[in-house]
Amino acid sequence: MMQVRTPLTVITGPLGSGKTTLLRHILDIFPKKIAILMNEFGEIAIDSKIIQGKNVEMADLGGGCVCCSLLGEFEAAVNEIIDSVAPDYIIVETTGVAEPDALVFDIQESLQSVRLDGVVTVMDADSVIKYPSIGHTTRIQIEAADTILLNKVDLVSETELEQIEEKLQSINEIATILPTIRCKVDPDLLFGIGRDRTQPPPHHVHQPEFESFTYTSSANFNRDRFNEFASNLAVDVYRAKGFIRFDDSIYLFNFVAGRWELEPFDQDATELVFIGKQLNEKKAEIINRLKLCEQ
């Protein structure tokens, strides 16, 4: 099997914006093996056995997840985690006072074993209203984001929310803004976004209207017809991902806002997840179009 680079997501944002709350939420509902790399274990309370490595200190969080603290240099620590734990995803949480741009550069330039999936910046809506002047570090955290998780939106009015979104968009016009309460967000909107700065994603997305469904099949799919299906998916679907079986092999299919790619992958059968606004009313039509791609 070919070496698949481990997707790595950077979570950043000011102190108290909700980064730890987000991590807890991800661990609760995301059924993947995750390694969380923090500058220190911080608030994620750990009663488990600490495994001391050369460059990293690890603790088992249960469910196959580990929390890691950096002892050595960043690259050595990441490689040690991949070798010893082989996680499906790596999440790096920066401290609230860190500027993530240098870290992002380091990941892209120096780490062959991972692929930077995206930068998620957590912002506290209430704080943006109370302290309207945005400092240098926070500005860099906003600029670096592919996705901005605008947290604590229950603490501000609708008008204030619009002002905040305008302000964030004036600093970063291409990030998707996801308004949340207590960082409750569909992890599919955070992971697998395939950071690509050349094409801006759609404006911002309000989350509650998102619906999703899964499609599985044991059939082989015609590649040309599937390519045509994927090319026309954007009218109905914001995000889709999963596995698709063609005659030659199975591929990982990753689709975000009209951009999509196929990557050879070791998997058993076709299984696709579709996410979009008011998707239930379009589900039957999408499945019919997909069935036409079966051989």
C-alpha atoms as a PDB file:
ATOM      1  CA  MET A   1       0.000   0.000   0.000  1.00  0.00           C
ATOM      2  CA  MET A   2       1.262   3.458  -0.828  1.00  0.00           C
ATOM      3  CA  GLN A   3       2.307   5.896   1.879  1.00  0.00           C
ATOM      4  CA  VAL A   4      -0.635   8.249   2.451  1.00  0.00           C
ATOM      5  CA  ARG A   5       0.378  11.474   4.156  1.00  0.00           C
ATOM      6  CA  THR A   6      -1.438  12.045   7.433  1.00  0.00           C
ATOM      7  CA  PRO A   7      -3.809  15.040   7.284  1.00  0.00           C
ATOM      8  CA  LEU A   8      -2.886  17.707   9.826  1.00  0.00           C
ATOM      9  CA  THR A   9      -5.206  20.485  10.998  1.00  0.00           C
ATOM     10  CA  VAL A  10      -3.996  23.533  12.915  1.00  0.00           C
ATOM     11  CA  ILE A  11      -6.417  24.987  15.478  1.00  0.00           C
ATOM     12  CA  THR A  12      -5.595  28.511  16.567  1.00  0.00           C
ATOM     13  CA  GLY A  13      -7.349  31.524  18.077  1.00  0.00           C
ATOM     14  CA  PRO A  14      -7.105  33.914  21.030  1.00  0.00           C
ATOM     15  CA  LEU A  15      -7.041  32.759  24.652  1.00  0.00           C
ATOM     16  CA  GLY A  16     -10.460  31.693  25.880  1.00  0.00           C
ATOM     17  CA  SER A  17     -12.064  31.614  22.441  1.00  0.00           C
ATOM     18  CA  GLY A  18     -13.021  27.950  22.839  1.00  0.00           C
ATOM     19  CA  LYS A  19     -10.171  25.870  21.396  1.00  0.00           C
ATOM     20  CA  THR A  20     -10.266  23.279  24.186  1.00  0.00           C
ATOM     21  CA  THR A  21     -14.072  23.126  24.003  1.00  0.00           C
ATOM     22  CA  LEU A  22     -13.727  22.446  20.284  1.00  0.00           C
ATOM     23  CA  LEU A  23     -11.188  19.668  20.900  1.00  0.00           C
ATOM     24  CA  ARG A  24     -13.487  18.025  23.447  1.00  0.00           C
ATOM     25  CA  HIS A  25     -16.388  18.222  20.986  1.00  0.00           C
ATOM     26  CA  ILE A  26     -14.282  16.655  18.209  1.00  0.00           C
ATOM     27  CA  LEU A  27     -13.165  13.826  20.507  1.00  0.00           C
ATOM     28  CA  ASP A  28     -16.786  13.186  21.532  1.00  0.00           C
ATOM     29  CA  ILE A  29     -18.261  12.847  18.073  1.00  0.00           C
ATOM     30  CA  PHE A  30     -15.535  12.226  15.495  1.00  0.00           C
ATOM     31  CA  PRO A  31     -14.997   8.455  15.177  1.00  0.00           C
ATOM     32  CA  LYS A  32     -11.399   8.618  14.000  1.00  0.00           C
ATOM     33  CA  LYS A  33      -8.065   7.927  15.616  1.00  0.00           C
ATOM     34  CA  ILE A  34      -6.797  11.401  16.456  1.00  0.00           C
ATOM     35  CA  ALA A  35      -3.510  12.655  17.840  1.00  0.00           C
ATOM     36  CA  ILE A  36      -3.788  16.085  19.432  1.00  0.00           C
ATOM     37  CA  LEU A  37      -0.513  17.925  19.696  1.00  0.00           C
ATOM     38  CA  MET A  38      -0.467  20.751  22.230  1.00  0.00           C
ATOM     39  CA  ASN A  39       2.337  22.892  23.570  1.00  0.00           C
ATOM     40  CA  GLU A  40       1.165  21.595  26.904  1.00  0.00           C
ATOM     41  CA  PHE A  41      -1.654  19.259  27.899  1.00  0.00           C
ATOM     42  CA  GLY A  42      -3.471  22.269  29.278  1.00  0.00           C
ATOM     43  CA  GLU A  43      -7.098  21.886  30.182  1.00  0.00           C
ATOM     44  CA  ILE A  44      -7.758  18.515  28.577  1.00  0.00           C
ATOM     45  CA  ALA A  45      -7.605  16.713  31.895  1.00  0.00           C
ATOM     46  CA  ILE A  46      -5.654  13.545  31.625  1.00  0.00           C
ATOM     47  CA  ASP A  47      -5.823  10.748  34.174  1.00  0.00           C
ATOM     48  CA  SER A  48      -4.351   8.183  31.830  1.00  0.00           C
ATOM     49  CA  LYS A  49      -0.915   6.693  31.649  1.00  0.00           C
ATOM     50  CA  ILE A  50       1.672   9.074  30.232  1.00  0.00           C
ATOM     51  CA  ILE A  51       3.976   7.488  27.674  1.00  0.00           C
ATOM     52  CA  GLN A  52       7.286   9.263  27.466  1.00  0.00           C
ATOM     53  CA  GLY A  53       8.884   9.364  24.033  1.00  0.00           C
ATOM     54  CA  LYS A  54      12.076  11.005  22.884  1.00  0.00           C
ATOM     55  CA  ASN A  55      10.494  14.144  21.426  1.00  0.00           C
ATOM     56  CA  VAL A  56       7.005  13.929  22.753  1.00  0.00           C
ATOM     57  CA  GLU A  57       5.011  12.950  25.810  1.00  0.00           C
ATOM     58  CA  MET A  58       1.773  11.102  25.116  1.00  0.00           C
ATOM     59  CA  ALA A  59      -1.338  10.230  27.063  1.00  0.00           C
ATOM     60  CA  ASP A  60      -4.120   7.930  25.968  1.00  0.00           C
ATOM     61  CA  LEU A  61      -7.493   9.691  25.770  1.00  0.00           C
ATOM     62  CA  GLY A  62      -9.434   6.494  25.071  1.00  0.00           C
ATOM     63  CA  GLY A  63     -11.129   5.615  21.796  1.00  0.00           C
ATOM     64  CA  GLY A  64      -7.760   5.429  20.093  1.00  0.00           C
ATOM     65  CA  CYS A  65      -7.045   9.133  20.645  1.00  0.00           C
ATOM     66  CA  VAL A  66      -3.878  10.442  22.195  1.00  0.00           C
ATOM     67  CA  CYS A  67      -2.908  13.822  23.532  1.00  0.00           C
ATOM     68  CA  CYS A  68       0.712  14.766  22.999  1.00  0.00           C
ATOM     69  CA  SER A  69       2.944  17.419  24.461  1.00  0.00           C
ATOM     70  CA  LEU A  70       5.968  18.717  22.635  1.00  0.00           C
ATOM     71  CA  LEU A  71       9.340  17.972  24.180  1.00  0.00           C
ATOM     72  CA  GLY A  72      11.642  18.109  21.180  1.00  0.00           C
ATOM     73  CA  GLU A  73      11.409  20.006  17.947  1.00  0.00           C
ATOM     74  CA  PHE A  74       8.095  20.066  16.140  1.00  0.00           C
ATOM     75  CA  GLU A  75       9.035  17.958  13.096  1.00  0.00           C
ATOM     76  CA  ALA A  76      10.684  15.216  15.166  1.00  0.00           C
ATOM     77  CA  ALA A  77       7.670  15.090  17.482  1.00  0.00           C
ATOM     78  CA  VAL A  78       5.181  14.774  14.607  1.00  0.00           C
ATOM     79  CA  ASN A  79       7.190  11.988  12.977  1.00  0.00           C
ATOM     80  CA  GLU A  80       7.412  10.156  16.287  1.00  0.00           C
ATOM     81  CA  ILE A  81       3.614  10.342  16.722  1.00  0.00           C
ATOM     82  CA  ILE A  82       3.044   8.956  13.210  1.00  0.00           C
ATOM     83  CA  ASP A  83       5.514   6.109  13.772  1.00  0.00           C
ATOM     84  CA  SER A  84       4.213   5.136  17.193  1.00  0.00           C
ATOM     85  CA  VAL A  85       0.473   5.854  16.987  1.00  0.00           C
ATOM     86  CA  ALA A  86      -0.327   6.013  13.229  1.00  0.00           C
ATOM     87  CA  PRO A  87      -3.305   8.358  13.731  1.00  0.00           C
ATOM     88  CA  ASP A  88      -5.926   9.050  11.034  1.00  0.00           C
ATOM     89  CA  TYR A  89      -5.681  12.766  11.812  1.00  0.00           C
ATOM     90  CA  ILE A  90      -3.285  15.038  13.633  1.00  0.00           C
ATOM     91  CA  ILE A  91      -4.574  18.217  15.241  1.00  0.00           C
ATOM     92  CA  VAL A  92      -2.085  20.838  16.379  1.00  0.00           C
ATOM     93  CA  GLU A  93      -3.498  23.291  18.880  1.00  0.00           C
ATOM     94  CA  THR A  94      -1.438  26.439  19.237  1.00  0.00           C
ATOM     95  CA  THR A  95      -1.435  28.513  22.410  1.00  0.00           C
ATOM     96  CA  GLY A  96      -3.663  31.573  22.340  1.00  0.00           C
ATOM     97  CA  VAL A  97      -0.682  33.884  22.000  1.00  0.00           C
ATOM     98  CA  ALA A  98       0.953  32.008  19.115  1.00  0.00           C
ATOM     99  CA  GLU A  99       1.126  33.340  15.569  1.00  0.00           C
ATOM    100  CA  PRO A 100       0.342  30.374  13.343  1.00  0.00           C
ATOM    101  CA  ASP A 101       1.808  31.623  10.057  1.00  0.00           C
ATOM    102  CA  ALA A 102       5.348  30.431  10.843  1.00  0.00           C
ATOM    103  CA  LEU A 103       4.014  27.050  11.974  1.00  0.00           C
ATOM    104  CA  VAL A 104       1.940  26.704   8.805  1.00  0.00           C
ATOM    105  CA  PHE A 105       5.002  27.527   6.706  1.00  0.00           C
ATOM    106  CA  ASP A 106       7.087  24.979   8.643  1.00  0.00           C
ATOM    107  CA  ILE A 107       4.467  22.245   8.104  1.00  0.00           C
ATOM    108  CA  GLN A 108       4.270  22.932   4.373  1.00  0.00           C
ATOM    109  CA  GLU A 109       8.029  23.172   3.867  1.00  0.00           C
ATOM    110  CA  SER A 110       9.515  20.625   6.261  1.00  0.00           C
ATOM    111  CA  LEU A 111       7.092  17.797   6.977  1.00  0.00           C
ATOM    112  CA  GLN A 112       6.913  15.154   4.267  1.00  0.00           C
ATOM    113  CA  SER A 113       4.843  12.788   6.401  1.00  0.00           C
ATOM    114  CA  VAL A 114       1.809  15.078   6.733  1.00  0.00           C
ATOM    115  CA  ARG A 115      -0.354  17.200   4.495  1.00  0.00           C
ATOM    116  CA  LEU A 116      -1.731  20.439   5.863  1.00  0.00           C
ATOM    117  CA  ASP A 117      -5.471  19.976   5.638  1.00  0.00           C
ATOM    118  CA  GLY A 118      -6.472  23.368   6.973  1.00  0.00           C
ATOM    119  CA  VAL A 119      -6.168  26.089   9.578  1.00  0.00           C
ATOM    120  CA  VAL A 120      -9.199  26.563  11.845  1.00  0.00           C
ATOM    121  CA  THR A 121      -9.293  29.801  13.853  1.00  0.00           C
ATOM    122  CA  VAL A 122     -11.693  29.945  16.817  1.00  0.00           C
ATOM    123  CA  MET A 123     -13.010  33.441  17.579  1.00  0.00           C
ATOM    124  CA  ASP A 124     -15.180  34.559  20.503  1.00  0.00           C
ATOM    125  CA  ALA A 125     -18.051  36.687  19.138  1.00  0.00           C
ATOM    126  CA  ASP A 126     -18.748  38.317  22.503  1.00  0.00           C
ATOM    127  CA  SER A 127     -15.104  39.283  22.901  1.00  0.00           C
ATOM    128  CA  VAL A 128     -14.953  40.857  19.419  1.00  0.00           C
ATOM    129  CA  ILE A 129     -17.852  43.141  20.401  1.00  0.00           C
ATOM    130  CA  LYS A 130     -16.464  43.981  23.864  1.00  0.00           C
ATOM    131  CA  TYR A 131     -12.883  44.563  22.666  1.00  0.00           C
ATOM    132  CA  PRO A 132     -13.311  45.874  19.129  1.00  0.00           C
ATOM    133  CA  SER A 133      -9.662  46.639  18.405  1.00  0.00           C
ATOM    134  CA  ILE A 134      -8.046  43.477  17.049  1.00  0.00           C
ATOM    135  CA  GLY A 135      -4.417  43.041  18.091  1.00  0.00           C
ATOM    136  CA  HIS A 136      -1.512  41.995  15.912  1.00  0.00           C
ATOM    137  CA  THR A 137      -1.458  38.302  16.945  1.00  0.00           C
ATOM    138  CA  THR A 138      -5.220  37.854  16.609  1.00  0.00           C
ATOM    139  CA  ARG A 139      -5.127  39.503  13.183  1.00  0.00           C
ATOM    140  CA  ILE A 140      -2.500  36.994  12.013  1.00  0.00           C
ATOM    141  CA  GLN A 141      -4.605  34.130  13.431  1.00  0.00           C
ATOM    142  CA  ILE A 142      -7.598  35.387  11.409  1.00  0.00           C
ATOM    143  CA  GLU A 143      -5.533  35.896   8.237  1.00  0.00           C
ATOM    144  CA  ALA A 144      -4.127  32.351   8.429  1.00  0.00           C
ATOM    145  CA  ALA A 145      -7.573  30.707   8.647  1.00  0.00           C
ATOM    146  CA  ASP A 146      -9.257  28.536   6.043  1.00  0.00           C
ATOM    147  CA  THR A 147     -12.232  28.221   8.391  1.00  0.00           C
ATOM    148  CA  ILE A 148     -13.225  30.658  11.141  1.00  0.00           C
ATOM    149  CA  LEU A 149     -15.293  29.111  13.904  1.00  0.00           C
ATOM    150  CA  LEU A 150     -17.206  32.087  15.262  1.00  0.00           C
ATOM    151  CA  ASN A 151     -18.035  30.833  18.739  1.00  0.00           C
ATOM    152  CA  LYS A 152     -20.423  32.098  21.449  1.00  0.00           C
ATOM    153  CA  VAL A 153     -22.831  33.648  18.934  1.00  0.00           C
ATOM    154  CA  ASP A 154     -25.633  33.230  21.488  1.00  0.00           C
ATOM    155  CA  LEU A 155     -24.053  36.103  23.447  1.00  0.00           C
ATOM    156  CA  VAL A 156     -24.458  38.706  20.678  1.00  0.00           C
ATOM    157  CA  SER A 157     -27.406  40.147  18.765  1.00  0.00           C
ATOM    158  CA  GLU A 158     -28.162  39.439  15.106  1.00  0.00           C
ATOM    159  CA  THR A 159     -26.945  42.938  14.144  1.00  0.00           C
ATOM    160  CA  GLU A 160     -23.724  42.490  16.118  1.00  0.00           C
ATOM    161  CA  LEU A 161     -23.200  39.108  14.458  1.00  0.00           C
ATOM    162  CA  GLU A 162     -23.407  40.737  11.020  1.00  0.00           C
ATOM    163  CA  GLN A 163     -20.900  43.411  12.113  1.00  0.00           C
ATOM    164  CA  ILE A 164     -18.487  40.746  13.376  1.00  0.00           C
ATOM    165  CA  GLU A 165     -18.752  38.734  10.169  1.00  0.00           C
ATOM    166  CA  GLU A 166     -18.068  41.848   8.092  1.00  0.00           C
ATOM    167  CA  LYS A 167     -15.071  42.675  10.259  1.00  0.00           C
ATOM    168  CA  LEU A 168     -13.626  39.154   9.990  1.00  0.00           C
ATOM    169  CA  GLN A 169     -14.215  39.127   6.259  1.00  0.00           C
ATOM    170  CA  SER A 170     -12.416  42.442   5.851  1.00  0.00           C
ATOM    171  CA  ILE A 171      -9.337  40.739   7.356  1.00  0.00           C
ATOM    172  CA  ASN A 172      -9.781  37.383   5.590  1.00  0.00           C
ATOM    173  CA  GLU A 173     -12.174  37.384   2.670  1.00  0.00           C
ATOM    174  CA  ILE A 174     -11.730  33.724   1.688  1.00  0.00           C
ATOM    175  CA  ALA A 175     -12.288  31.902   4.984  1.00  0.00           C
ATOM    176  CA  THR A 176     -15.602  30.166   5.586  1.00  0.00           C
ATOM    177  CA  ILE A 177     -17.255  31.577   8.723  1.00  0.00           C
ATOM    178  CA  LEU A 178     -19.172  29.038  10.813  1.00  0.00           C
ATOM    179  CA  PRO A 179     -21.212  30.591  13.642  1.00  0.00           C
ATOM    180  CA  THR A 180     -21.396  28.212  16.615  1.00  0.00           C
ATOM    181  CA  ILE A 181     -22.480  27.903  20.228  1.00  0.00           C
ATOM    182  CA  ARG A 182     -20.031  26.018  22.475  1.00  0.00           C
ATOM    183  CA  CYS A 183     -18.068  25.043  19.336  1.00  0.00           C
ATOM    184  CA  LYS A 184     -20.748  22.557  18.259  1.00  0.00           C
ATOM    185  CA  VAL A 185     -19.871  22.050  14.620  1.00  0.00           C
ATOM    186  CA  ASP A 186     -20.099  19.171  12.158  1.00  0.00           C
ATOM    187  CA  PRO A 187     -16.491  17.862  12.021  1.00  0.00           C
ATOM    188  CA  ASP A 188     -16.958  17.227   8.287  1.00  0.00           C
ATOM    189  CA  LEU A 189     -16.874  21.005   7.853  1.00  0.00           C
ATOM    190  CA  LEU A 190     -13.512  21.208   9.665  1.00  0.00           C
ATOM    191  CA  PHE A 191     -11.635  18.206   8.266  1.00  0.00           C
ATOM    192  CA  GLY A 192     -10.830  17.215   4.730  1.00  0.00           C
ATOM    193  CA  ILE A 193     -11.055  20.789   3.498  1.00  0.00           C
ATOM    194  CA  GLY A 194      -7.843  20.379   1.484  1.00  0.00           C
ATOM    195  CA  ARG A 195      -6.219  23.766   2.041  1.00  0.00           C
ATOM    196  CA  ASP A 196      -5.870  25.487  -1.295  1.00  0.00           C
ATOM    197  CA  ARG A 197      -5.322  29.179  -1.268  1.00  0.00           C
ATOM    198  CA  THR A 198      -5.596  29.809  -4.985  1.00  0.00           C
ATOM    199  CA  GLN A 199      -9.356  29.507  -5.234  1.00  0.00           C
ATOM    200  CA  PRO A 200     -11.526  31.178  -2.618  1.00  0.00           C
ATOM    201  CA  PRO A 201     -14.315  29.060  -1.135  1.00  0.00           C
ATOM    202  CA  PRO A 202     -17.892  30.389  -1.210  1.00  0.00           C
ATOM    203  CA  HIS A 203     -18.747  33.332   0.997  1.00  0.00           C
ATOM    204  CA  HIS A 204     -19.692  32.308   4.499  1.00  0.00           C
ATOM    205  CA  VAL A 205     -21.900  29.482   5.529  1.00  0.00           C
ATOM    206  CA  HIS A 206     -24.533  29.471   8.247  1.00  0.00           C
ATOM    207  CA  GLN A 207     -24.506  26.072   9.748  1.00  0.00           C
ATOM    208  CA  PRO A 208     -27.973  25.022  10.922  1.00  0.00           C
ATOM    209  CA  GLU A 209     -29.264  24.469   7.387  1.00  0.00           C
ATOM    210  CA  PHE A 210     -26.746  21.712   6.679  1.00  0.00           C
ATOM    211  CA  GLU A 211     -28.068  18.196   6.111  1.00  0.00           C
ATOM    212  CA  SER A 212     -26.207  15.054   5.093  1.00  0.00           C
ATOM    213  CA  PHE A 213     -26.758  11.550   3.780  1.00  0.00           C
ATOM    214  CA  THR A 214     -24.608   8.504   2.986  1.00  0.00           C
ATOM    215  CA  TYR A 215     -24.619   6.297  -0.105  1.00  0.00           C
ATOM    216  CA  THR A 216     -23.037   2.844  -0.276  1.00  0.00           C
ATOM    217  CA  SER A 217     -22.738   0.470  -3.229  1.00  0.00           C
ATOM    218  CA  SER A 218     -20.936  -2.738  -4.161  1.00  0.00           C
ATOM    219  CA  ALA A 219     -20.996  -1.863  -7.873  1.00  0.00           C
ATOM    220  CA  ASN A 220     -18.086  -0.651  -9.980  1.00  0.00           C
ATOM    221  CA  PHE A 221     -18.468   2.883 -11.274  1.00  0.00           C
ATOM    222  CA  ASN A 222     -17.666   4.258 -14.699  1.00  0.00           C
ATOM    223  CA  ARG A 223     -14.916   6.801 -14.258  1.00  0.00           C
ATOM    224  CA  ASP A 224     -15.946   9.209 -17.040  1.00  0.00           C
ATOM    225  CA  ARG A 225     -19.569   9.268 -15.914  1.00  0.00           C
ATOM    226  CA  PHE A 226     -18.519   9.779 -12.309  1.00  0.00           C
ATOM    227  CA  ASN A 227     -16.235  12.672 -13.326  1.00  0.00           C
ATOM    228  CA  GLU A 228     -19.216  14.271 -15.043  1.00  0.00           C
ATOM    229  CA  PHE A 229     -21.384  13.645 -11.935  1.00  0.00           C
ATOM    230  CA  ALA A 230     -18.749  15.263  -9.687  1.00  0.00           C
ATOM    231  CA  SER A 231     -18.386  18.249 -12.022  1.00  0.00           C
ATOM    232  CA  ASN A 232     -22.100  19.015 -11.689  1.00  0.00           C
ATOM    233  CA  LEU A 233     -22.389  18.386  -7.967  1.00  0.00           C
ATOM    234  CA  ALA A 234     -21.785  21.958  -6.809  1.00  0.00           C
ATOM    235  CA  VAL A 235     -25.344  23.126  -7.524  1.00  0.00           C
ATOM    236  CA  ASP A 236     -26.667  20.869  -4.748  1.00  0.00           C
ATOM    237  CA  VAL A 237     -23.809  19.923  -2.456  1.00  0.00           C
ATOM    238  CA  TYR A 238     -21.260  21.936  -0.482  1.00  0.00           C
ATOM    239  CA  ARG A 239     -19.143  19.020   0.721  1.00  0.00           C
ATOM    240  CA  ALA A 240     -18.832  15.362  -0.241  1.00  0.00           C
ATOM    241  CA  LYS A 241     -16.268  12.715   0.556  1.00  0.00           C
ATOM    242  CA  GLY A 242     -15.720   9.009   0.797  1.00  0.00           C
ATOM    243  CA  PHE A 243     -14.607   6.109  -1.353  1.00  0.00           C
ATOM    244  CA  ILE A 244     -15.500   5.229  -4.924  1.00  0.00           C
ATOM    245  CA  ARG A 245     -14.734   1.967  -6.729  1.00  0.00           C
ATOM    246  CA  PHE A 246     -13.737   2.077 -10.403  1.00  0.00           C
ATOM    247  CA  ASP A 247     -12.653  -0.921 -12.503  1.00  0.00           C
ATOM    248  CA  ASP A 248      -8.964  -0.470 -11.719  1.00  0.00           C
ATOM    249  CA  SER A 249      -9.095   0.385  -7.999  1.00  0.00           C
ATOM    250  CA  ILE A 250     -10.752   2.331  -5.201  1.00  0.00           C
ATOM    251  CA  TYR A 251     -10.235   6.059  -4.782  1.00  0.00           C
ATOM    252  CA  LEU A 252     -10.683   8.546  -1.990  1.00  0.00           C
ATOM    253  CA  PHE A 253     -13.099  11.216  -3.273  1.00  0.00           C
ATOM    254  CA  ASN A 254     -12.870  14.666  -1.724  1.00  0.00           C
ATOM    255  CA  PHE A 255     -15.195  17.474  -2.805  1.00  0.00           C
ATOM    256  CA  VAL A 256     -15.456  20.989  -1.316  1.00  0.00           C
ATOM    257  CA  ALA A 257     -17.454  23.828  -2.839  1.00  0.00           C
ATOM    258  CA  GLY A 258     -16.976  22.778  -6.442  1.00  0.00           C
ATOM    259  CA  ARG A 259     -13.329  21.672  -6.076  1.00  0.00           C
ATOM    260  CA  TRP A 260     -12.743  17.929  -6.053  1.00  0.00           C
ATOM    261  CA  GLU A 261     -10.014  15.334  -6.333  1.00  0.00           C
ATOM    262  CA  LEU A 262      -9.537  11.573  -6.460  1.00  0.00           C
ATOM    263  CA  GLU A 263      -6.651   9.822  -4.720  1.00  0.00           C
ATOM    264  CA  PRO A 264      -5.965   6.048  -4.879  1.00  0.00           C
ATOM    265  CA  PHE A 265      -6.853   4.485  -1.539  1.00  0.00           C
ATOM    266  CA  ASP A 266      -6.906   1.047   0.066  1.00  0.00           C
ATOM    267  CA  GLN A 267     -10.577   0.479   0.918  1.00  0.00           C
ATOM    268  CA  ASP A 268     -13.276  -2.154   0.384  1.00  0.00           C
ATOM    269  CA  ALA A 269     -16.321  -0.604  -1.266  1.00  0.00           C
ATOM    270  CA  THR A 270     -17.982   2.595  -2.377  1.00  0.00           C
ATOM    271  CA  GLU A 271     -19.213   4.728   0.512  1.00  0.00           C
ATOM    272  CA  LEU A 272     -19.927   8.418   0.005  1.00  0.00           C
ATOM    273  CA  VAL A 273     -21.197  11.146   2.324  1.00  0.00           C
ATOM    274  CA  PHE A 274     -22.900  14.262   0.937  1.00  0.00           C
ATOM    275  CA  ILE A 275     -23.388  17.469   2.945  1.00  0.00           C
ATOM    276  CA  GLY A 276     -25.301  20.535   1.840  1.00  0.00           C
ATOM    277  CA  LYS A 277     -28.078  22.988   2.550  1.00  0.00           C
ATOM    278  CA  GLN A 278     -31.623  21.552   2.541  1.00  0.00           C
ATOM    279  CA  LEU A 279     -30.107  18.405   1.093  1.00  0.00           C
ATOM    280  CA  ASN A 280     -32.946  16.042   1.974  1.00  0.00           C
ATOM    281  CA  GLU A 281     -35.155  17.400  -0.789  1.00  0.00           C
ATOM    282  CA  LYS A 282     -32.379  16.809  -3.348  1.00  0.00           C
ATOM    283  CA  LYS A 283     -31.247  13.435  -2.017  1.00  0.00           C
ATOM    284  CA  ALA A 284     -33.297  11.202  -4.377  1.00  0.00           C
ATOM    285  CA  GLU A 285     -32.166  13.136  -7.448  1.00  0.00           C
ATOM    286  CA  ILE A 286     -28.474  12.998  -6.428  1.00  0.00           C
ATOM    287  CA  ILE A 287     -28.700   9.232  -5.782  1.00  0.00           C
ATOM    288  CA  ASN A 288     -30.370   8.692  -9.175  1.00  0.00           C
ATOM    289  CA  ARG A 289     -27.599  10.616 -10.920  1.00  0.00           C
ATOM    290  CA  LEU A 290     -25.048   8.563  -9.010  1.00  0.00           C
ATOM    291  CA  LYS A 291     -26.716   5.244  -9.933  1.00  0.00           C
ATOM    292  CA  LEU A 292     -26.358   6.200 -13.617  1.00  0.00           C
ATOM    293  CA  CYS A 293     -22.577   6.060 -13.084  1.00  0.00           C
ATOM    294  CA  GLU A 294     -22.691   2.388 -12.043  1.00  0.00           C
ATOM    295  CA  GLN A 295     -21.508  -0.143 -14.623  1.00  0.00           C
END
